[in-house]
Amino acid sequence: MNSTNNPPATLTDAYQAIHARLNGETARLQWHELLPHFASGAMVAVDASLDLIDVAVRISLDDTAAVSAWMGDGLVSKVSDALAAAWTETDPLLWSVIVKPWILVQPATQG
């Protein structure tokens, strides 16, 4: 069984290519800039314990084992109304990356 922290050996080349592309496509945006995407229902929150780009690559590669495990652990989920309301109050800076049809977001760490 593959760890969700390392890409399967058979996917290494594809993983690395997609990782490099998505890494270049990330952006730090304020929550208010992302509100239209939340309203469309296409926004996914990624827990800070995970690497945003790794999650994006796994979704792109349809790695259901890894994504299902994260979802089961509550580490990857659609942005809830409660979370959106909290973010609307604080307007945090979020890392974001698009993996169609999803917009993945994760709070940007300060520093």
N, C-alpha and C. Protein backbone atom coordinates (compact mmCIF):
# COMPACT_ATOMS: atom_id res chain seq x y z
N MET A 1 0.85 -1.19 0.00
CA MET A 1 0.00 0.00 0.00
C MET A 1 0.89 1.24 0.00
N ASN A 2 0.54 2.22 -0.81
CA ASN A 2 1.33 3.44 -0.92
C ASN A 2 1.00 4.41 0.19
N SER A 3 2.00 5.09 0.67
CA SER A 3 1.80 6.16 1.65
C SER A 3 1.19 7.35 0.93
N THR A 4 0.36 8.10 1.60
CA THR A 4 -0.20 9.30 0.98
C THR A 4 0.81 10.44 0.99
N ASN A 5 2.00 10.20 1.53
CA ASN A 5 3.03 11.23 1.55
C ASN A 5 4.02 11.11 0.40
N ASN A 6 3.98 10.01 -0.33
CA ASN A 6 4.90 9.80 -1.43
C ASN A 6 4.14 9.32 -2.65
N PRO A 7 4.49 9.80 -3.86
CA PRO A 7 3.77 9.35 -5.04
C PRO A 7 4.11 7.90 -5.35
N PRO A 8 3.15 7.15 -5.87
CA PRO A 8 3.45 5.79 -6.28
C PRO A 8 4.55 5.79 -7.33
N ALA A 9 5.41 4.80 -7.29
CA ALA A 9 6.57 4.74 -8.20
C ALA A 9 6.14 4.83 -9.65
N THR A 10 5.02 4.21 -10.00
CA THR A 10 4.56 4.22 -11.39
C THR A 10 4.09 5.60 -11.84
N LEU A 11 3.84 6.49 -10.90
CA LEU A 11 3.36 7.83 -11.25
C LEU A 11 4.43 8.90 -11.11
N THR A 12 5.65 8.51 -10.79
CA THR A 12 6.67 9.49 -10.46
C THR A 12 6.88 10.53 -11.55
N ASP A 13 7.04 10.12 -12.81
CA ASP A 13 7.29 11.09 -13.89
C ASP A 13 6.09 12.02 -14.08
N ALA A 14 4.90 11.44 -14.15
CA ALA A 14 3.70 12.26 -14.31
C ALA A 14 3.52 13.15 -13.09
N TYR A 15 3.74 12.59 -11.91
CA TYR A 15 3.60 13.35 -10.67
C TYR A 15 4.52 14.57 -10.70
N GLN A 16 5.77 14.36 -11.03
CA GLN A 16 6.75 15.46 -11.02
C GLN A 16 6.39 16.54 -12.04
N ALA A 17 5.95 16.13 -13.21
CA ALA A 17 5.60 17.11 -14.25
C ALA A 17 4.39 17.94 -13.82
N ILE A 18 3.37 17.28 -13.29
CA ILE A 18 2.18 18.01 -12.86
C ILE A 18 2.49 18.86 -11.64
N HIS A 19 3.30 18.34 -10.73
CA HIS A 19 3.69 19.10 -9.54
C HIS A 19 4.38 20.41 -9.94
N ALA A 20 5.31 20.32 -10.87
CA ALA A 20 6.03 21.53 -11.32
C ALA A 20 5.07 22.54 -11.94
N ARG A 21 4.14 22.06 -12.76
CA ARG A 21 3.18 22.96 -13.41
C ARG A 21 2.27 23.62 -12.39
N LEU A 22 1.69 22.81 -11.49
CA LEU A 22 0.76 23.36 -10.51
C LEU A 22 1.46 24.28 -9.51
N ASN A 23 2.68 23.95 -9.17
CA ASN A 23 3.42 24.82 -8.26
C ASN A 23 3.56 26.22 -8.84
N GLY A 24 3.75 26.29 -10.14
CA GLY A 24 3.86 27.59 -10.81
C GLY A 24 2.53 28.31 -10.96
N GLU A 25 1.43 27.59 -10.75
CA GLU A 25 0.10 28.16 -10.93
C GLU A 25 -0.59 28.53 -9.62
N THR A 26 0.10 28.37 -8.50
CA THR A 26 -0.52 28.72 -7.23
C THR A 26 -0.54 30.23 -7.06
N ALA A 27 -1.47 30.68 -6.25
CA ALA A 27 -1.56 32.11 -5.97
C ALA A 27 -2.01 32.30 -4.53
N ARG A 28 -1.56 33.39 -3.93
CA ARG A 28 -2.03 33.78 -2.60
C ARG A 28 -3.07 34.86 -2.80
N LEU A 29 -4.29 34.57 -2.36
CA LEU A 29 -5.41 35.48 -2.55
C LEU A 29 -6.16 35.67 -1.24
N GLN A 30 -6.74 36.85 -1.08
CA GLN A 30 -7.60 37.09 0.07
C GLN A 30 -8.92 36.35 -0.16
N TRP A 31 -9.55 35.94 0.92
CA TRP A 31 -10.80 35.19 0.83
C TRP A 31 -11.84 35.92 -0.02
N HIS A 32 -11.97 37.23 0.14
CA HIS A 32 -13.02 37.96 -0.60
C HIS A 32 -12.84 37.82 -2.11
N GLU A 33 -11.59 37.61 -2.57
CA GLU A 33 -11.35 37.43 -3.99
C GLU A 33 -11.83 36.06 -4.48
N LEU A 34 -11.97 35.13 -3.56
CA LEU A 34 -12.36 33.76 -3.90
C LEU A 34 -13.85 33.48 -3.71
N LEU A 35 -14.57 34.43 -3.14
CA LEU A 35 -16.00 34.23 -2.85
C LEU A 35 -16.82 33.75 -4.05
N PRO A 36 -16.62 34.27 -5.26
CA PRO A 36 -17.42 33.77 -6.39
C PRO A 36 -17.22 32.27 -6.63
N HIS A 37 -16.01 31.78 -6.37
CA HIS A 37 -15.74 30.35 -6.57
C HIS A 37 -16.42 29.52 -5.49
N PHE A 38 -16.44 30.05 -4.27
CA PHE A 38 -17.18 29.36 -3.21
C PHE A 38 -18.65 29.28 -3.58
N ALA A 39 -19.19 30.38 -4.07
CA ALA A 39 -20.61 30.43 -4.43
C ALA A 39 -20.95 29.41 -5.51
N SER A 40 -19.99 29.06 -6.36
CA SER A 40 -20.24 28.09 -7.42
C SER A 40 -20.19 26.65 -6.91
N GLY A 41 -19.74 26.47 -5.66
CA GLY A 41 -19.68 25.12 -5.08
C GLY A 41 -18.45 24.33 -5.47
N ALA A 42 -17.46 25.01 -6.03
CA ALA A 42 -16.29 24.31 -6.55
C ALA A 42 -15.05 24.48 -5.68
N MET A 43 -15.22 24.91 -4.42
CA MET A 43 -14.06 25.18 -3.59
C MET A 43 -13.82 24.06 -2.58
N VAL A 44 -12.56 23.63 -2.51
CA VAL A 44 -12.15 22.54 -1.62
C VAL A 44 -11.10 23.06 -0.66
N ALA A 45 -11.33 22.81 0.63
CA ALA A 45 -10.37 23.21 1.67
C ALA A 45 -9.40 22.06 1.91
N VAL A 46 -8.11 22.42 2.00
CA VAL A 46 -7.05 21.45 2.27
C VAL A 46 -6.44 21.82 3.62
N ASP A 47 -6.42 20.86 4.54
CA ASP A 47 -5.88 21.08 5.87
C ASP A 47 -4.42 21.52 5.80
N ALA A 48 -4.02 22.36 6.74
CA ALA A 48 -2.65 22.88 6.77
C ALA A 48 -1.60 21.80 7.00
N SER A 49 -2.02 20.63 7.47
CA SER A 49 -1.06 19.54 7.69
C SER A 49 -0.64 18.87 6.38
N LEU A 50 -1.36 19.17 5.29
CA LEU A 50 -1.05 18.58 3.99
C LEU A 50 -0.38 19.60 3.09
N ASP A 51 0.37 19.10 2.13
CA ASP A 51 0.98 19.95 1.10
C ASP A 51 -0.08 20.21 0.02
N LEU A 52 -0.44 21.47 -0.16
CA LEU A 52 -1.49 21.84 -1.11
C LEU A 52 -1.21 21.30 -2.50
N ILE A 53 0.03 21.43 -2.96
CA ILE A 53 0.37 21.00 -4.32
C ILE A 53 0.30 19.48 -4.43
N ASP A 54 0.73 18.76 -3.41
CA ASP A 54 0.63 17.30 -3.43
C ASP A 54 -0.83 16.88 -3.57
N VAL A 55 -1.71 17.50 -2.81
CA VAL A 55 -3.13 17.18 -2.90
C VAL A 55 -3.65 17.49 -4.30
N ALA A 56 -3.27 18.63 -4.85
CA ALA A 56 -3.71 19.01 -6.19
C ALA A 56 -3.23 18.00 -7.24
N VAL A 57 -1.99 17.56 -7.11
CA VAL A 57 -1.46 16.58 -8.06
C VAL A 57 -2.23 15.27 -7.94
N ARG A 58 -2.47 14.83 -6.71
CA ARG A 58 -3.19 13.55 -6.50
C ARG A 58 -4.60 13.62 -7.09
N ILE A 59 -5.26 14.77 -6.95
CA ILE A 59 -6.59 14.93 -7.55
C ILE A 59 -6.47 14.90 -9.07
N SER A 60 -5.48 15.60 -9.59
CA SER A 60 -5.26 15.63 -11.03
C SER A 60 -5.00 14.24 -11.60
N LEU A 61 -4.28 13.42 -10.84
CA LEU A 61 -3.94 12.06 -11.29
C LEU A 61 -5.01 11.03 -10.91
N ASP A 62 -6.11 11.51 -10.33
CA ASP A 62 -7.21 10.64 -9.90
C ASP A 62 -6.73 9.55 -8.95
N ASP A 63 -5.90 9.95 -7.99
CA ASP A 63 -5.40 9.02 -6.96
C ASP A 63 -6.47 8.88 -5.89
N THR A 64 -7.46 8.05 -6.17
CA THR A 64 -8.61 7.93 -5.28
C THR A 64 -8.24 7.41 -3.91
N ALA A 65 -7.24 6.56 -3.82
CA ALA A 65 -6.86 6.02 -2.51
C ALA A 65 -6.41 7.14 -1.57
N ALA A 66 -5.50 7.97 -2.06
CA ALA A 66 -4.98 9.07 -1.23
C ALA A 66 -6.07 10.09 -0.92
N VAL A 67 -6.81 10.51 -1.94
CA VAL A 67 -7.83 11.55 -1.76
C VAL A 67 -8.95 11.04 -0.84
N SER A 68 -9.36 9.80 -1.02
CA SER A 68 -10.41 9.22 -0.16
C SER A 68 -9.94 9.15 1.29
N ALA A 69 -8.67 8.79 1.49
CA ALA A 69 -8.13 8.73 2.85
C ALA A 69 -8.15 10.11 3.50
N TRP A 70 -7.72 11.12 2.76
CA TRP A 70 -7.73 12.49 3.30
C TRP A 70 -9.15 12.95 3.60
N MET A 71 -10.07 12.64 2.69
CA MET A 71 -11.46 13.03 2.91
C MET A 71 -12.03 12.32 4.13
N GLY A 72 -11.72 11.05 4.26
CA GLY A 72 -12.19 10.28 5.40
C GLY A 72 -11.67 10.82 6.72
N ASP A 73 -10.46 11.37 6.69
CA ASP A 73 -9.85 11.95 7.89
C ASP A 73 -10.25 13.41 8.10
N GLY A 74 -11.06 13.96 7.19
CA GLY A 74 -11.49 15.35 7.30
C GLY A 74 -10.42 16.35 6.93
N LEU A 75 -9.39 15.92 6.20
CA LEU A 75 -8.29 16.80 5.83
C LEU A 75 -8.52 17.50 4.49
N VAL A 76 -9.40 16.95 3.68
CA VAL A 76 -9.78 17.53 2.39
C VAL A 76 -11.30 17.47 2.32
N SER A 77 -11.93 18.63 2.10
CA SER A 77 -13.40 18.67 2.02
C SER A 77 -13.84 19.94 1.31
N LYS A 78 -15.08 19.90 0.82
CA LYS A 78 -15.63 21.12 0.25
C LYS A 78 -15.70 22.17 1.36
N VAL A 79 -15.47 23.41 1.01
CA VAL A 79 -15.55 24.48 1.99
C VAL A 79 -16.98 24.58 2.48
N SER A 80 -17.16 24.43 3.77
CA SER A 80 -18.50 24.46 4.37
C SER A 80 -18.99 25.91 4.50
N ASP A 81 -20.30 26.03 4.68
CA ASP A 81 -20.88 27.35 4.90
C ASP A 81 -20.30 27.98 6.17
N ALA A 82 -20.10 27.16 7.21
CA ALA A 82 -19.56 27.68 8.47
C ALA A 82 -18.14 28.21 8.29
N LEU A 83 -17.31 27.46 7.55
CA LEU A 83 -15.94 27.93 7.30
C LEU A 83 -15.95 29.18 6.45
N ALA A 84 -16.80 29.21 5.44
CA ALA A 84 -16.90 30.40 4.59
C ALA A 84 -17.33 31.61 5.40
N ALA A 85 -18.25 31.43 6.33
CA ALA A 85 -18.69 32.54 7.18
C ALA A 85 -17.55 33.04 8.06
N ALA A 86 -16.79 32.11 8.62
CA ALA A 86 -15.65 32.51 9.46
C ALA A 86 -14.61 33.25 8.63
N TRP A 87 -14.35 32.76 7.43
CA TRP A 87 -13.37 33.43 6.56
C TRP A 87 -13.89 34.78 6.09
N THR A 88 -15.19 34.92 5.94
CA THR A 88 -15.76 36.21 5.55
C THR A 88 -15.51 37.24 6.65
N GLU A 89 -15.55 36.81 7.89
CA GLU A 89 -15.29 37.70 9.02
C GLU A 89 -13.83 38.14 9.07
N THR A 90 -12.90 37.23 8.77
CA THR A 90 -11.47 37.52 8.94
C THR A 90 -10.72 37.81 7.65
N ASP A 91 -11.31 37.47 6.50
CA ASP A 91 -10.71 37.68 5.18
C ASP A 91 -9.24 37.22 5.14
N PRO A 92 -8.98 35.95 5.45
CA PRO A 92 -7.59 35.47 5.51
C PRO A 92 -6.96 35.39 4.12
N LEU A 93 -5.63 35.34 4.14
CA LEU A 93 -4.86 35.10 2.94
C LEU A 93 -4.79 33.59 2.74
N LEU A 94 -5.14 33.13 1.55
CA LEU A 94 -5.19 31.70 1.26
C LEU A 94 -4.32 31.37 0.06
N TRP A 95 -3.64 30.24 0.13
CA TRP A 95 -2.99 29.69 -1.06
C TRP A 95 -4.09 29.06 -1.88
N SER A 96 -4.05 29.20 -3.18
CA SER A 96 -5.07 28.59 -4.02
C SER A 96 -4.43 28.02 -5.29
N VAL A 97 -5.05 26.97 -5.78
CA VAL A 97 -4.61 26.36 -7.04
C VAL A 97 -5.83 25.72 -7.68
N ILE A 98 -5.89 25.75 -8.98
CA ILE A 98 -7.02 25.20 -9.72
C ILE A 98 -6.67 23.83 -10.26
N VAL A 99 -7.54 22.88 -9.96
CA VAL A 99 -7.51 21.56 -10.58
C VAL A 99 -8.95 21.34 -11.02
N LYS A 100 -9.23 21.68 -12.28
CA LYS A 100 -10.60 21.68 -12.78
C LYS A 100 -11.29 20.38 -12.45
N PRO A 101 -12.51 20.49 -11.95
CA PRO A 101 -13.34 21.69 -11.80
C PRO A 101 -13.20 22.37 -10.44
N TRP A 102 -12.19 22.00 -9.67
CA TRP A 102 -12.05 22.46 -8.29
C TRP A 102 -11.07 23.61 -8.14
N ILE A 103 -11.30 24.41 -7.11
CA ILE A 103 -10.34 25.41 -6.63
C ILE A 103 -9.95 24.93 -5.24
N LEU A 104 -8.70 24.57 -5.06
CA LEU A 104 -8.22 24.11 -3.76
C LEU A 104 -7.64 25.30 -3.01
N VAL A 105 -7.97 25.41 -1.74
CA VAL A 105 -7.48 26.52 -0.92
C VAL A 105 -6.94 25.99 0.41
N GLN A 106 -6.00 26.76 0.92
CA GLN A 106 -5.38 26.42 2.21
C GLN A 106 -4.88 27.72 2.83
N PRO A 107 -5.13 27.90 4.12
CA PRO A 107 -4.65 29.13 4.76
C PRO A 107 -3.14 29.29 4.57
N ALA A 108 -2.74 30.49 4.22
CA ALA A 108 -1.32 30.80 4.06
C ALA A 108 -0.73 31.03 5.44
N THR A 109 0.41 30.44 5.70
CA THR A 109 1.04 30.64 6.99
C THR A 109 1.69 32.01 7.02
N GLN A 110 1.72 32.58 8.19
CA GLN A 110 2.33 33.89 8.35
C GLN A 110 3.84 33.73 8.44
N GLY A 111 4.54 34.68 7.89
CA GLY A 111 5.99 34.62 8.01
C GLY A 111 6.71 35.04 6.79
